[in-house]
Amino acid sequence: MGEPNDGAVGDNRPQHVQVAEHLIKDGLSYGHVIPHDDLRGRFGLQSIAEIEMGTALQFKHDALVYLSLGEGLREYFLSEHQLYLDNVRGQGYRVVPPAEQASLTERKLSDDLAKAFAKARMRIDNIRLSELTAAERREALDKSARMSDLRGMVKSKRRGWG
């Protein structure tokens, strides 16, 4: 679906913008999955097989570069073309059809909220209360109760979703 590093000579736009425009020119459509290796090539990065032969430090650096470029690409598609790219683990990014976008967004928000509440609960449940003054303990317990109330409100609203 295109040559590695699709940027044209003299094109000063960010790399993710150049790649996005080339993907559109190549006929990107709803439901299409852009494979990670295809994107890596378009960004001028090594394939997964090639980077696995390098050092752990090179692998981490490459992963961060790819993540940054991929996020830029996703944000650009969404804001400039109203195309939502959903990560398909181990495969690539799928162009979400408009009819699925609201439901998928709601489901992802619900998942993110559940994870955020679980992390917060873990943090608040593991405070060394024995090291706090009576006033600090009351404050911590009040915050824990408020967080539980908030979680309950969000959870009841989430039941009506989908």
Foldseek 3Di string as FASTA:
>chain_A
DAAFQQDDVPDPDDLLVSVLVVCVVVPDDAFDFCFLQNVCRNSVHHGPVVCVPDDPVSVVVSVVVSVVSVVVNQVCCCPPVVWHWDDDPPTGTGTHPPVCVVQVVLVVVVVVVVVVLVVVLVVLVPDPLVPDDPVVNVVSVVVNVVSVVVVVVVVVVSVPGD
